[in-house]
Amino acid sequence: MAKAPTKKPAKKAKTTTKKVAGKKVKTKTAAQTAASVKTAAKKTVAKKATTAAKKASSKSAPPKKTKQSKSAAKGNKKVTGYGSGGVDVVMSVDQVAKEAASIAANAPSQKELLKLAGNEPLLTINSLRAGYGKMEILHDFHLEVAKGQSLCLIGPNGAGKSTVLHSIFGFTNIFSGKISIGSKDVTNLTPSQKLSEAGIAYILQDKSVFPQMTVEENLLMGGFLKNQPAEAKAAAEMVFDKYSRLADRRDKPAGVLSGGERRLLEISRALVMNPEVLLVDEPSIGLEPRFIDMVFEILDDLQHRDGKTIIMVEQNAKKGLSFADLGYVLVSGETAIAGAGDDLLQNPDVGRLFLGG
C-alpha cells in the first residue's frame, strides 16, 4: 500500500552573507525586510498617538504658575515707605524742566509771596542773583517767610534749591540783591556771623557727625561760638532733657547711632546756639522709611512748640509739602509756582511733574 505524501515544514527564511570589502555582512531576505518595515510603521503610529494624547491633556489641564505670575501677585500687595504711588507716565528730567519752564511764565510776584507770609516776613530775599565762582544760579530770586512758618523748596535737579539755602547761610557768591532777617541786612555776613549774630543755623544733608566723638562731644561742637564753655554745656543739657533718645547714649560714640539717631543729633547740634531760623537740606536723605516720620515729627515740634522758622529742601516732594506751610517750585533759579503746601499737593501741574501723578 502506497504511503500518503507528507507536507514538508515551511523553510525558515535564510539570511545570506556577502563579502563587502573583505568582510562577511549579513543581508536580509525580502520577507525579513517587509516585516521590519511593518514593525517600524506600528511604532510610528503608536508614537503619534501618544503625542496627540499629551497635547490634548495639556489643553485641558490648568496652566502652571510662572515666575511672571508670581511677580504680578507681589505687585498686588500693599507697599509702604518709599514705594507709595504709581508710574503711569514716565518723563525724562529734560522733559520735566522744559514743561516746568513753560509754567514759570506765570511766576508769582513779590507781592503775592509777601501775602503768603502774612505780610509780616521774618526772612526776606529780594532780587537775589547768586551762584558759585562766576556762574550765576539764582536769577532775580525772591523769598518771604514769616516767623514760625515752614517753607519747602521743590523742583527739578539743578533748579537752585540748595543754592537758596547756601546763599542765606553765606556759602555762595552774591552778585546782587539783599537778604534780611527782620530789619537787619545779613547779605554779606560770614556763616559764623549768620549763626551767632543773625540766629540762622544750617543743617547739612547727612554724615556731618563726628563718629569717633561721643554724642555729648558732638553736641558741644554745636556751641563752639559760645563765649563760655559752660554756656555750651548748659545748652547741651537742655537738648538731652528734650530728647531722651540722645541722653541715653550721651557717652556712646556717635558712629554707633542708627541713621535716624544721627539725623536727630545733627538737628540737635544746631539747636545748641538757639537759632531762630533752621535751614534744613534734605532731612530724609539716606534714612530708612521708619525713621523719616520720626525726623519730621522732630521738625514739627521745633516749629510749633519752639517757634522756629524752617526752610527746607526735600527730595520727597509729597512729604515735604505735606509738612510745610508754604511751598515754592523752583525752575532754572527762579520761583515758578508758590502757594500753601496743601494747595501745591492738589495742583495738577505740580502733581504731574514732581509728585508722580
Protein backbone atom coordinates (compact mmCIF):
# COMPACT_ATOMS: atom_id res chain seq x y z
CA MET A 1 0.00 0.00 0.00
CA ALA A 2 1.41 3.36 -1.02
CA LYS A 3 2.31 5.89 1.76
CA ALA A 4 0.49 9.26 1.84
CA PRO A 5 2.71 12.10 0.96
CA THR A 6 3.80 14.20 3.98
CA LYS A 7 3.93 18.03 3.99
CA LYS A 8 7.32 19.47 4.28
CA PRO A 9 7.67 22.12 7.04
CA ALA A 10 7.98 25.68 5.81
CA LYS A 11 11.51 26.69 5.35
CA LYS A 12 12.83 29.37 7.64
CA ALA A 13 13.89 32.48 5.93
CA LYS A 14 17.52 32.28 5.38
CA THR A 15 19.95 35.07 5.64
CA THR A 16 22.76 35.18 3.28
CA THR A 17 26.15 36.58 3.67
CA LYS A 18 28.11 38.64 1.31
CA LYS A 19 31.62 39.77 1.36
CA VAL A 20 31.97 43.51 1.46
CA ALA A 21 35.47 44.93 1.49
CA GLY A 22 36.75 41.51 2.55
CA LYS A 23 34.28 41.18 5.49
CA LYS A 24 31.21 38.96 5.79
CA VAL A 25 27.98 41.01 6.12
CA LYS A 26 24.57 39.52 6.86
CA THR A 27 21.78 40.55 4.46
CA LYS A 28 18.02 40.18 4.93
CA THR A 29 15.65 38.44 2.62
CA ALA A 30 12.66 40.26 1.12
CA ALA A 31 10.32 38.75 3.77
CA GLN A 32 12.53 39.95 6.65
CA THR A 33 12.73 43.42 5.16
CA ALA A 34 8.93 43.62 4.85
CA ALA A 35 8.49 42.52 8.46
CA SER A 36 10.93 45.18 9.65
CA VAL A 37 9.10 47.91 7.75
CA LYS A 38 5.77 46.76 9.23
CA THR A 39 7.15 46.88 12.79
CA ALA A 40 8.62 50.34 12.26
CA ALA A 41 5.30 51.62 10.93
CA LYS A 42 3.48 50.32 14.04
CA LYS A 43 5.95 52.14 16.30
CA THR A 44 5.49 55.38 14.37
CA VAL A 45 1.70 55.19 14.65
CA ALA A 46 1.93 54.48 18.39
CA LYS A 47 4.31 57.42 18.93
CA LYS A 48 1.98 59.83 17.11
CA ALA A 49 -0.98 58.64 19.17
CA THR A 50 0.95 59.21 22.41
CA THR A 51 1.97 62.73 21.33
CA ALA A 52 -1.60 63.64 20.41
CA ALA A 53 -2.84 62.41 23.78
CA LYS A 54 -0.30 64.55 25.65
CA LYS A 55 -1.33 67.66 23.68
CA ALA A 56 -4.97 67.05 24.45
CA SER A 57 -4.31 66.64 28.17
CA SER A 58 -2.18 69.80 28.32
CA LYS A 59 -5.02 71.85 26.84
CA SER A 60 -7.50 70.69 29.44
CA ALA A 61 -5.11 70.95 32.43
CA PRO A 62 -4.88 74.30 34.30
CA PRO A 63 -1.83 76.40 33.40
CA LYS A 64 1.14 76.25 35.76
CA LYS A 65 2.22 79.33 37.68
CA THR A 66 5.19 81.05 36.16
CA LYS A 67 7.72 83.46 37.65
CA GLN A 68 5.92 86.28 35.91
CA SER A 69 2.62 85.46 37.58
CA LYS A 70 4.37 85.40 40.99
CA SER A 71 5.80 88.82 40.37
CA ALA A 72 2.40 90.10 39.36
CA ALA A 73 0.97 88.67 42.58
CA LYS A 74 3.58 90.54 44.61
CA GLY A 75 2.61 93.74 42.85
CA ASN A 76 -0.87 93.47 44.33
CA LYS A 77 0.47 93.58 47.89
CA LYS A 78 0.37 96.81 49.88
CA VAL A 79 3.69 98.65 49.73
CA THR A 80 4.76 101.20 52.35
CA GLY A 81 7.61 103.64 52.82
CA TYR A 82 9.22 104.94 49.63
CA GLY A 83 7.16 102.55 47.47
CA SER A 84 3.92 104.53 47.53
CA GLY A 85 2.41 105.94 44.35
CA GLY A 86 2.33 104.75 40.77
CA VAL A 87 4.14 105.37 37.50
CA ASP A 88 1.59 105.82 34.74
CA VAL A 89 3.71 108.23 32.70
CA VAL A 90 7.49 108.25 32.57
CA MET A 91 9.12 111.63 31.91
CA SER A 92 12.78 112.44 31.49
CA VAL A 93 14.47 115.12 33.60
CA ASP A 94 14.76 117.31 30.47
CA GLN A 95 11.03 116.97 29.80
CA VAL A 96 10.19 117.95 33.38
CA ALA A 97 12.48 121.00 33.21
CA LYS A 98 11.05 122.06 29.83
CA GLU A 99 7.42 121.85 30.96
CA ALA A 100 8.20 123.48 34.30
CA ALA A 101 9.88 126.37 32.47
CA SER A 102 6.70 126.97 30.46
CA ILE A 103 4.74 127.16 33.73
CA ALA A 104 7.23 129.74 35.06
CA ALA A 105 5.79 132.28 32.63
CA ASN A 106 3.10 132.91 35.28
CA ALA A 107 5.56 133.15 38.17
CA PRO A 108 4.23 134.73 41.40
CA SER A 109 5.03 138.37 42.11
CA GLN A 110 6.88 139.55 45.19
CA LYS A 111 3.58 140.97 46.45
CA GLU A 112 1.97 137.52 46.23
CA LEU A 113 4.91 135.96 48.09
CA LEU A 114 4.59 138.61 50.79
CA LYS A 115 0.90 137.81 51.18
CA LEU A 116 1.71 134.10 51.71
CA ALA A 117 3.97 135.20 54.60
CA GLY A 118 1.08 137.08 56.20
CA ASN A 119 2.67 140.41 55.18
CA GLU A 120 4.98 140.08 58.20
CA PRO A 121 8.09 138.25 56.98
CA LEU A 122 10.95 137.36 59.28
CA LEU A 123 13.32 136.35 56.48
CA THR A 124 13.26 138.18 53.15
CA ILE A 125 15.26 137.67 49.97
CA ASN A 126 14.93 140.49 47.48
CA SER A 127 16.10 140.34 43.82
CA LEU A 128 18.94 137.96 44.62
CA ARG A 129 21.49 136.96 41.99
CA ALA A 130 23.90 134.37 43.37
CA GLY A 131 25.99 131.35 42.43
CA TYR A 132 29.42 129.74 42.59
CA GLY A 133 32.55 131.33 41.17
CA LYS A 134 31.34 133.36 38.20
CA MET A 135 28.37 131.07 37.49
CA GLU A 136 25.00 132.59 38.34
CA ILE A 137 22.45 130.02 39.58
CA LEU A 138 19.74 132.21 41.13
CA HIS A 139 18.27 134.95 38.93
CA ASP A 140 16.28 137.81 40.47
CA PHE A 141 15.12 135.46 43.22
CA HIS A 142 12.56 136.49 45.87
CA LEU A 143 11.52 134.77 49.11
CA GLU A 144 9.28 135.73 52.02
CA VAL A 145 8.71 133.59 55.13
CA ALA A 146 7.22 134.61 58.46
CA LYS A 147 8.35 133.77 61.98
CA GLY A 148 7.24 130.26 62.92
CA GLN A 149 6.39 129.33 59.32
CA SER A 150 7.85 126.43 57.36
CA LEU A 151 8.73 126.57 53.66
CA CYS A 152 9.62 123.63 51.41
CA LEU A 153 11.54 124.17 48.16
CA ILE A 154 10.97 121.61 45.41
CA GLY A 155 11.84 121.41 41.72
CA PRO A 156 13.93 119.53 39.16
CA ASN A 157 17.63 118.80 39.64
CA GLY A 158 19.76 121.88 39.09
CA ALA A 159 16.89 124.31 39.75
CA GLY A 160 18.84 126.05 42.55
CA LYS A 161 17.06 124.72 45.65
CA SER A 162 20.17 124.04 47.73
CA THR A 163 21.74 127.23 46.37
CA VAL A 164 18.99 129.19 48.12
CA LEU A 165 20.00 127.67 51.46
CA HIS A 166 23.70 128.16 50.70
CA SER A 167 23.10 131.81 49.82
CA ILE A 168 21.15 132.51 53.02
CA PHE A 169 23.96 131.00 55.11
CA GLY A 170 26.84 132.60 53.19
CA PHE A 171 28.20 129.73 51.10
CA THR A 172 27.77 131.38 47.67
CA ASN A 173 28.92 134.45 45.80
CA ILE A 174 26.26 137.18 45.96
CA PHE A 175 26.29 139.25 42.75
CA SER A 176 23.37 141.49 43.70
CA GLY A 177 20.27 141.55 45.88
CA LYS A 178 19.58 141.54 49.59
CA ILE A 179 18.90 139.02 52.39
CA SER A 180 17.28 140.32 55.58
CA ILE A 181 16.29 138.99 58.99
CA GLY A 182 13.65 141.40 60.20
CA SER A 183 15.12 144.83 59.54
CA LYS A 184 18.72 143.58 59.64
CA ASP A 185 20.68 143.19 56.41
CA VAL A 186 22.59 139.89 56.67
CA THR A 187 23.58 139.56 52.99
CA ASN A 188 27.33 139.79 53.44
CA LEU A 189 27.76 138.23 56.89
CA THR A 190 30.00 135.17 57.17
CA PRO A 191 28.48 131.78 58.10
CA SER A 192 29.79 132.19 61.67
CA GLN A 193 28.18 135.62 61.92
CA LYS A 194 24.94 134.28 60.41
CA LEU A 195 24.82 131.71 63.22
CA SER A 196 25.96 133.83 66.17
CA GLU A 197 24.51 137.25 65.24
CA ALA A 198 21.53 136.52 62.96
CA GLY A 199 20.31 133.29 64.52
CA ILE A 200 20.49 131.21 61.32
CA ALA A 201 21.58 127.57 61.57
CA TYR A 202 22.34 125.28 58.66
CA ILE A 203 21.73 121.51 58.91
CA LEU A 204 23.72 119.65 56.28
CA GLN A 205 22.34 116.83 54.13
CA ASP A 206 23.91 113.92 56.04
CA LYS A 207 27.06 112.39 57.52
CA SER A 208 28.09 115.53 59.38
CA VAL A 209 28.50 113.91 62.79
CA PHE A 210 31.94 113.10 64.17
CA PRO A 211 31.72 109.29 64.51
CA GLN A 212 34.66 108.84 66.91
CA MET A 213 33.42 111.52 69.30
CA THR A 214 30.68 110.85 71.84
CA VAL A 215 27.15 112.13 71.42
CA GLU A 216 27.78 114.76 74.11
CA GLU A 217 31.02 115.91 72.45
CA ASN A 218 29.17 116.27 69.14
CA LEU A 219 26.58 118.46 70.82
CA LEU A 220 29.25 120.62 72.45
CA MET A 221 30.75 121.19 68.98
CA GLY A 222 27.49 122.93 68.08
CA GLY A 223 28.26 125.55 70.73
CA PHE A 224 31.76 126.38 69.54
CA LEU A 225 30.77 130.03 69.10
CA LYS A 226 29.57 130.38 72.69
CA ASN A 227 31.60 132.79 74.76
CA GLN A 228 31.99 130.33 77.64
CA PRO A 229 32.25 126.50 77.54
CA ALA A 230 29.74 126.40 80.40
CA GLU A 231 27.15 128.01 78.12
CA ALA A 232 27.56 125.25 75.53
CA LYS A 233 27.36 122.65 78.31
CA ALA A 234 24.11 124.12 79.62
CA ALA A 235 22.64 124.23 76.09
CA ALA A 236 23.60 120.58 75.53
CA GLU A 237 21.87 119.60 78.76
CA MET A 238 18.70 121.29 77.52
CA VAL A 239 18.88 119.14 74.38
CA PHE A 240 19.31 115.99 76.49
CA ASP A 241 16.28 116.99 78.55
CA LYS A 242 14.28 117.36 75.34
CA TYR A 243 15.42 114.15 73.62
CA SER A 244 15.86 111.15 75.94
CA ARG A 245 16.97 109.04 72.98
CA LEU A 246 20.18 111.07 72.86
CA ALA A 247 20.50 111.35 76.64
CA ASP A 248 20.58 107.55 76.92
CA ARG A 249 23.55 107.48 74.54
CA ARG A 250 25.41 110.61 75.62
CA ASP A 251 28.65 108.68 76.37
CA LYS A 252 28.48 106.46 73.27
CA PRO A 253 30.47 107.16 70.08
CA ALA A 254 28.22 108.85 67.51
CA GLY A 255 29.31 106.21 65.00
CA VAL A 256 27.17 103.54 66.69
CA LEU A 257 23.93 105.52 66.30
CA SER A 258 21.27 104.48 63.80
CA GLY A 259 20.60 106.65 60.75
CA GLY A 260 17.60 108.28 62.41
CA GLU A 261 19.51 108.95 65.63
CA ARG A 262 22.38 110.55 63.70
CA ARG A 263 19.91 112.85 61.96
CA LEU A 264 18.44 113.75 65.36
CA LEU A 265 21.96 114.52 66.61
CA GLU A 266 22.65 116.76 63.60
CA ILE A 267 19.44 118.71 64.19
CA SER A 268 20.06 118.90 67.95
CA ARG A 269 23.61 120.14 67.48
CA ALA A 270 22.22 123.09 65.51
CA LEU A 271 19.89 123.88 68.43
CA VAL A 272 22.74 124.47 70.87
CA MET A 273 23.11 128.02 69.51
CA ASN A 274 19.31 128.53 69.90
CA PRO A 275 18.76 129.82 66.34
CA GLU A 276 15.57 131.45 65.06
CA VAL A 277 15.85 130.05 61.53
CA LEU A 278 16.71 126.47 60.59
CA LEU A 279 17.93 125.73 57.06
CA VAL A 280 17.38 122.00 56.56
CA ASP A 281 18.89 120.35 53.48
CA GLU A 282 17.24 117.01 52.55
CA PRO A 283 16.14 115.86 56.04
CA SER A 284 15.02 112.42 54.79
CA ILE A 285 18.04 111.60 52.62
CA GLY A 286 19.71 108.27 53.37
CA LEU A 287 17.14 107.29 56.00
CA GLU A 288 15.13 104.10 56.24
CA PRO A 289 11.40 104.76 55.82
CA ARG A 290 10.73 104.04 59.52
CA PHE A 291 13.00 106.95 60.56
CA ILE A 292 11.58 109.54 58.15
CA ASP A 293 8.40 110.15 60.16
CA MET A 294 10.48 110.49 63.32
CA VAL A 295 12.59 113.27 61.78
CA PHE A 296 9.57 115.18 60.51
CA GLU A 297 7.90 114.88 63.91
CA ILE A 298 11.00 116.49 65.44
CA LEU A 299 10.88 119.35 62.90
CA ASP A 300 7.15 119.81 63.52
CA ASP A 301 7.83 120.06 67.26
CA LEU A 302 10.56 122.65 66.69
CA GLN A 303 8.25 124.74 64.56
CA HIS A 304 5.03 124.60 66.53
CA ARG A 305 6.31 124.29 70.12
CA ASP A 306 9.57 126.23 69.91
CA GLY A 307 8.53 128.75 67.24
CA LYS A 308 11.41 128.01 64.85
CA THR A 309 11.21 129.19 61.25
CA ILE A 310 12.14 126.32 58.91
CA ILE A 311 13.23 126.50 55.28
CA MET A 312 13.92 123.09 53.78
CA VAL A 313 14.85 121.37 50.57
CA GLU A 314 13.30 117.91 50.40
CA GLN A 315 13.71 115.22 47.71
CA ASN A 316 10.46 113.55 48.81
CA ALA A 317 8.21 116.34 47.50
CA LYS A 318 4.98 114.84 48.84
CA LYS A 319 6.42 114.51 52.33
CA GLY A 320 7.90 117.99 52.26
CA LEU A 321 4.75 119.72 51.03
CA SER A 322 2.59 117.74 53.47
CA PHE A 323 4.75 119.07 56.31
CA ALA A 324 5.32 122.67 55.22
CA ASP A 325 3.01 125.68 55.48
CA LEU A 326 4.33 127.02 52.18
CA GLY A 327 5.87 125.55 49.05
CA TYR A 328 7.95 127.10 46.25
CA VAL A 329 8.56 125.29 42.96
CA LEU A 330 11.92 126.39 41.56
CA VAL A 331 12.84 126.20 37.88
CA SER A 332 16.17 127.43 36.49
CA GLY A 333 16.95 129.59 39.51
CA GLU A 334 13.54 131.27 39.71
CA THR A 335 10.25 130.62 41.51
CA ALA A 336 7.72 129.20 39.04
CA ILE A 337 4.89 128.39 41.44
CA ALA A 338 4.24 129.33 45.07
CA GLY A 339 1.41 128.57 47.46
CA ALA A 340 0.32 126.81 50.59
CA GLY A 341 1.82 123.32 50.87
CA ASP A 342 -1.60 121.65 50.78
CA ASP A 343 -2.60 123.67 47.70
CA LEU A 344 0.52 122.61 45.81
CA LEU A 345 -0.25 118.98 46.61
CA GLN A 346 -3.57 119.46 44.78
CA ASN A 347 -2.05 121.42 41.88
CA PRO A 348 -2.29 119.23 38.73
CA ASP A 349 0.93 120.64 37.19
CA VAL A 350 2.90 120.08 40.40
CA GLY A 351 1.43 116.59 40.73
CA ARG A 352 2.23 115.63 37.14
CA LEU A 353 5.79 116.97 37.13
CA PHE A 354 7.02 116.39 40.68
CA LEU A 355 4.66 114.13 42.63
CA GLY A 356 4.35 111.17 40.28
CA GLY A 357 0.81 111.76 39.03
